[in-house]
Amino acid sequence: MKKKLSDGDVRVIKISRDALFEFIREKFIDDQDAFFDVDSSTVTSHFDMDTESGQFICCVHKTENENGEVINFSNDIDLHKLLGTLPDTTDTLFDTDRYKDYTKEELIELSKG
C-alpha cells in the first residue's frame, strides 16, 4: 500500500556511496538481459566501481559451455584496472549500442596496462 504524502512534506532518500554501488549492481543484475541483450539465466556478472571517479564496470560471460561445464572468469582480468584503461562503451544505458564485446585475452592484455 502506498503511503500518502502530505502537501507540505518532502520525502527524502539519502544513501552512501556503498549503498549507491549496491543499487547500481542490483539494477544491473535485475536488467542484465536488457542491458547486455542476453538470457539472464545463462550468464554470470562481475562488477567494480571506482568511488573516487564515479566509474562503474559490469561484465557478463556465459556461465556454462555446451557440455554443462562451468566457464570461469579469468583471474587475470582486473576490473579495477579496466576502469582506467577501457574507454566508456556508451554515453547512456538507453542507447541500443551500449556494450562492446571483448575476448578474455583482450581484457587480460588491457588489465596489464
C-alpha atoms as a PDB file:
ATOM      1  CA  MET A   1       0.000   0.000   0.000  1.00  0.00           C
ATOM      2  CA  LYS A   2       1.375   3.396  -0.955  1.00  0.00           C
ATOM      3  CA  LYS A   3       1.689   5.979   1.794  1.00  0.00           C
ATOM      4  CA  LYS A   4       0.183   9.366   1.059  1.00  0.00           C
ATOM      5  CA  LEU A   5       2.419  12.392   1.013  1.00  0.00           C
ATOM      6  CA  SER A   6       1.070  15.476   2.716  1.00  0.00           C
ATOM      7  CA  ASP A   7       1.033  18.790   0.832  1.00  0.00           C
ATOM      8  CA  GLY A   8       3.832  20.303   2.897  1.00  0.00           C
ATOM      9  CA  ASP A   9       6.063  17.221   3.176  1.00  0.00           C
ATOM     10  CA  VAL A  10       9.090  16.198   1.133  1.00  0.00           C
ATOM     11  CA  ARG A  11      10.072  12.521   1.223  1.00  0.00           C
ATOM     12  CA  VAL A  12      13.850  12.047   1.062  1.00  0.00           C
ATOM     13  CA  ILE A  13      16.234   9.165   0.447  1.00  0.00           C
ATOM     14  CA  LYS A  14      19.924   9.840   1.104  1.00  0.00           C
ATOM     15  CA  ILE A  15      22.373   6.984   0.670  1.00  0.00           C
ATOM     16  CA  SER A  16      26.097   6.383   0.986  1.00  0.00           C
ATOM     17  CA  ARG A  17      28.465   5.501  -1.846  1.00  0.00           C
ATOM     18  CA  ASP A  18      28.327   1.858  -0.765  1.00  0.00           C
ATOM     19  CA  ALA A  19      24.533   1.875  -0.931  1.00  0.00           C
ATOM     20  CA  LEU A  20      24.678   3.585  -4.326  1.00  0.00           C
ATOM     21  CA  PHE A  21      27.066   0.917  -5.631  1.00  0.00           C
ATOM     22  CA  GLU A  22      24.760  -1.773  -4.235  1.00  0.00           C
ATOM     23  CA  PHE A  23      21.792  -0.172  -6.018  1.00  0.00           C
ATOM     24  CA  ILE A  24      23.633   0.055  -9.333  1.00  0.00           C
ATOM     25  CA  ARG A  25      24.921  -3.523  -9.018  1.00  0.00           C
ATOM     26  CA  GLU A  26      21.447  -4.895  -8.218  1.00  0.00           C
ATOM     27  CA  LYS A  27      19.866  -2.875 -11.049  1.00  0.00           C
ATOM     28  CA  PHE A  28      22.382  -4.343 -13.486  1.00  0.00           C
ATOM     29  CA  ILE A  29      21.637  -7.865 -12.241  1.00  0.00           C
ATOM     30  CA  ASP A  30      17.889  -7.287 -12.500  1.00  0.00           C
ATOM     31  CA  ASP A  31      18.139  -5.832 -16.015  1.00  0.00           C
ATOM     32  CA  GLN A  32      21.200  -7.564 -17.469  1.00  0.00           C
ATOM     33  CA  ASP A  33      19.031  -9.246 -20.086  1.00  0.00           C
ATOM     34  CA  ALA A  34      18.044  -5.810 -21.429  1.00  0.00           C
ATOM     35  CA  PHE A  35      21.394  -4.055 -20.891  1.00  0.00           C
ATOM     36  CA  PHE A  36      23.500  -6.820 -22.481  1.00  0.00           C
ATOM     37  CA  ASP A  37      20.980  -8.483 -24.836  1.00  0.00           C
ATOM     38  CA  VAL A  38      21.424 -11.868 -23.122  1.00  0.00           C
ATOM     39  CA  ASP A  39      19.333 -14.509 -21.381  1.00  0.00           C
ATOM     40  CA  SER A  40      19.991 -13.740 -17.691  1.00  0.00           C
ATOM     41  CA  SER A  41      19.852 -17.398 -16.722  1.00  0.00           C
ATOM     42  CA  THR A  42      22.859 -18.215 -18.919  1.00  0.00           C
ATOM     43  CA  VAL A  43      25.364 -15.563 -17.784  1.00  0.00           C
ATOM     44  CA  THR A  44      27.402 -14.594 -14.754  1.00  0.00           C
ATOM     45  CA  SER A  45      28.105 -10.950 -13.865  1.00  0.00           C
ATOM     46  CA  HIS A  46      31.220  -9.263 -12.476  1.00  0.00           C
ATOM     47  CA  PHE A  47      31.385  -5.657 -11.240  1.00  0.00           C
ATOM     48  CA  ASP A  48      33.673  -2.967  -9.950  1.00  0.00           C
ATOM     49  CA  MET A  49      33.314   0.727  -9.212  1.00  0.00           C
ATOM     50  CA  ASP A  50      35.798   3.477  -8.547  1.00  0.00           C
ATOM     51  CA  THR A  51      34.066   5.635  -5.965  1.00  0.00           C
ATOM     52  CA  GLU A  52      36.577   8.459  -6.467  1.00  0.00           C
ATOM     53  CA  SER A  53      35.999   8.813 -10.223  1.00  0.00           C
ATOM     54  CA  GLY A  54      32.417   7.515 -10.171  1.00  0.00           C
ATOM     55  CA  GLN A  55      33.192   4.979 -12.900  1.00  0.00           C
ATOM     56  CA  PHE A  56      31.376   1.625 -12.958  1.00  0.00           C
ATOM     57  CA  ILE A  57      32.103  -1.511 -14.956  1.00  0.00           C
ATOM     58  CA  CYS A  58      29.971  -4.600 -15.410  1.00  0.00           C
ATOM     59  CA  CYS A  59      30.921  -7.653 -17.464  1.00  0.00           C
ATOM     60  CA  VAL A  60      28.843 -10.715 -18.279  1.00  0.00           C
ATOM     61  CA  HIS A  61      30.025 -14.027 -19.668  1.00  0.00           C
ATOM     62  CA  LYS A  62      28.462 -17.412 -20.307  1.00  0.00           C
ATOM     63  CA  THR A  63      28.108 -19.467 -17.128  1.00  0.00           C
ATOM     64  CA  GLU A  64      28.446 -22.892 -18.793  1.00  0.00           C
ATOM     65  CA  ASN A  65      29.656 -24.321 -22.078  1.00  0.00           C
ATOM     66  CA  GLU A  66      27.577 -26.675 -24.262  1.00  0.00           C
ATOM     67  CA  ASN A  67      28.683 -29.647 -22.115  1.00  0.00           C
ATOM     68  CA  GLY A  68      27.415 -28.045 -18.899  1.00  0.00           C
ATOM     69  CA  GLU A  69      30.917 -27.284 -17.630  1.00  0.00           C
ATOM     70  CA  VAL A  70      31.393 -24.028 -15.715  1.00  0.00           C
ATOM     71  CA  ILE A  71      33.218 -21.284 -17.608  1.00  0.00           C
ATOM     72  CA  ASN A  72      35.373 -19.351 -15.145  1.00  0.00           C
ATOM     73  CA  PHE A  73      36.048 -15.635 -15.372  1.00  0.00           C
ATOM     74  CA  SER A  74      39.809 -15.254 -15.662  1.00  0.00           C
ATOM     75  CA  ASN A  75      41.665 -14.201 -12.507  1.00  0.00           C
ATOM     76  CA  ASP A  76      43.962 -12.274 -14.866  1.00  0.00           C
ATOM     77  CA  ILE A  77      41.164  -9.852 -15.765  1.00  0.00           C
ATOM     78  CA  ASP A  78      41.469  -6.927 -13.358  1.00  0.00           C
ATOM     79  CA  LEU A  79      38.224  -4.947 -13.446  1.00  0.00           C
ATOM     80  CA  HIS A  80      39.678  -2.148 -11.350  1.00  0.00           C
ATOM     81  CA  LYS A  81      42.496  -1.656 -13.864  1.00  0.00           C
ATOM     82  CA  LEU A  82      39.999  -1.860 -16.726  1.00  0.00           C
ATOM     83  CA  LEU A  83      38.135   1.073 -15.192  1.00  0.00           C
ATOM     84  CA  GLY A  84      41.202   3.159 -16.005  1.00  0.00           C
ATOM     85  CA  THR A  85      42.118   1.659 -19.379  1.00  0.00           C
ATOM     86  CA  LEU A  86      38.844   0.931 -21.175  1.00  0.00           C
ATOM     87  CA  PRO A  87      37.015   3.784 -22.846  1.00  0.00           C
ATOM     88  CA  ASP A  88      33.346   4.228 -21.955  1.00  0.00           C
ATOM     89  CA  THR A  89      31.196   1.951 -24.091  1.00  0.00           C
ATOM     90  CA  THR A  90      28.237   4.340 -24.096  1.00  0.00           C
ATOM     91  CA  ASP A  91      27.092   7.779 -23.035  1.00  0.00           C
ATOM     92  CA  THR A  92      23.737   6.375 -21.914  1.00  0.00           C
ATOM     93  CA  LEU A  93      22.277   2.993 -20.980  1.00  0.00           C
ATOM     94  CA  PHE A  94      19.246   3.878 -23.085  1.00  0.00           C
ATOM     95  CA  ASP A  95      21.268   3.671 -26.315  1.00  0.00           C
ATOM     96  CA  THR A  96      20.880   0.481 -28.357  1.00  0.00           C
ATOM     97  CA  ASP A  97      24.651   0.256 -28.836  1.00  0.00           C
ATOM     98  CA  ARG A  98      25.632   0.423 -25.152  1.00  0.00           C
ATOM     99  CA  TYR A  99      28.041  -2.523 -24.782  1.00  0.00           C
ATOM    100  CA  LYS A 100      31.169  -3.762 -26.561  1.00  0.00           C
ATOM    101  CA  ASP A 101      32.289  -7.368 -26.891  1.00  0.00           C
ATOM    102  CA  TYR A 102      35.873  -8.279 -25.960  1.00  0.00           C
ATOM    103  CA  THR A 103      37.635 -11.625 -25.759  1.00  0.00           C
ATOM    104  CA  LYS A 104      39.036 -12.693 -22.402  1.00  0.00           C
ATOM    105  CA  GLU A 105      42.504 -12.454 -23.934  1.00  0.00           C
ATOM    106  CA  GLU A 106      41.903  -8.821 -24.922  1.00  0.00           C
ATOM    107  CA  LEU A 107      40.723  -7.961 -21.397  1.00  0.00           C
ATOM    108  CA  ILE A 108      43.732  -9.722 -19.872  1.00  0.00           C
ATOM    109  CA  GLU A 109      46.059  -7.631 -22.064  1.00  0.00           C
ATOM    110  CA  LEU A 110      44.184  -4.413 -21.194  1.00  0.00           C
ATOM    111  CA  SER A 111      44.406  -5.358 -17.496  1.00  0.00           C
ATOM    112  CA  LYS A 112      48.183  -5.247 -17.726  1.00  0.00           C
ATOM    113  CA  GLY A 113      48.203  -1.602 -18.897  1.00  0.00           C
END
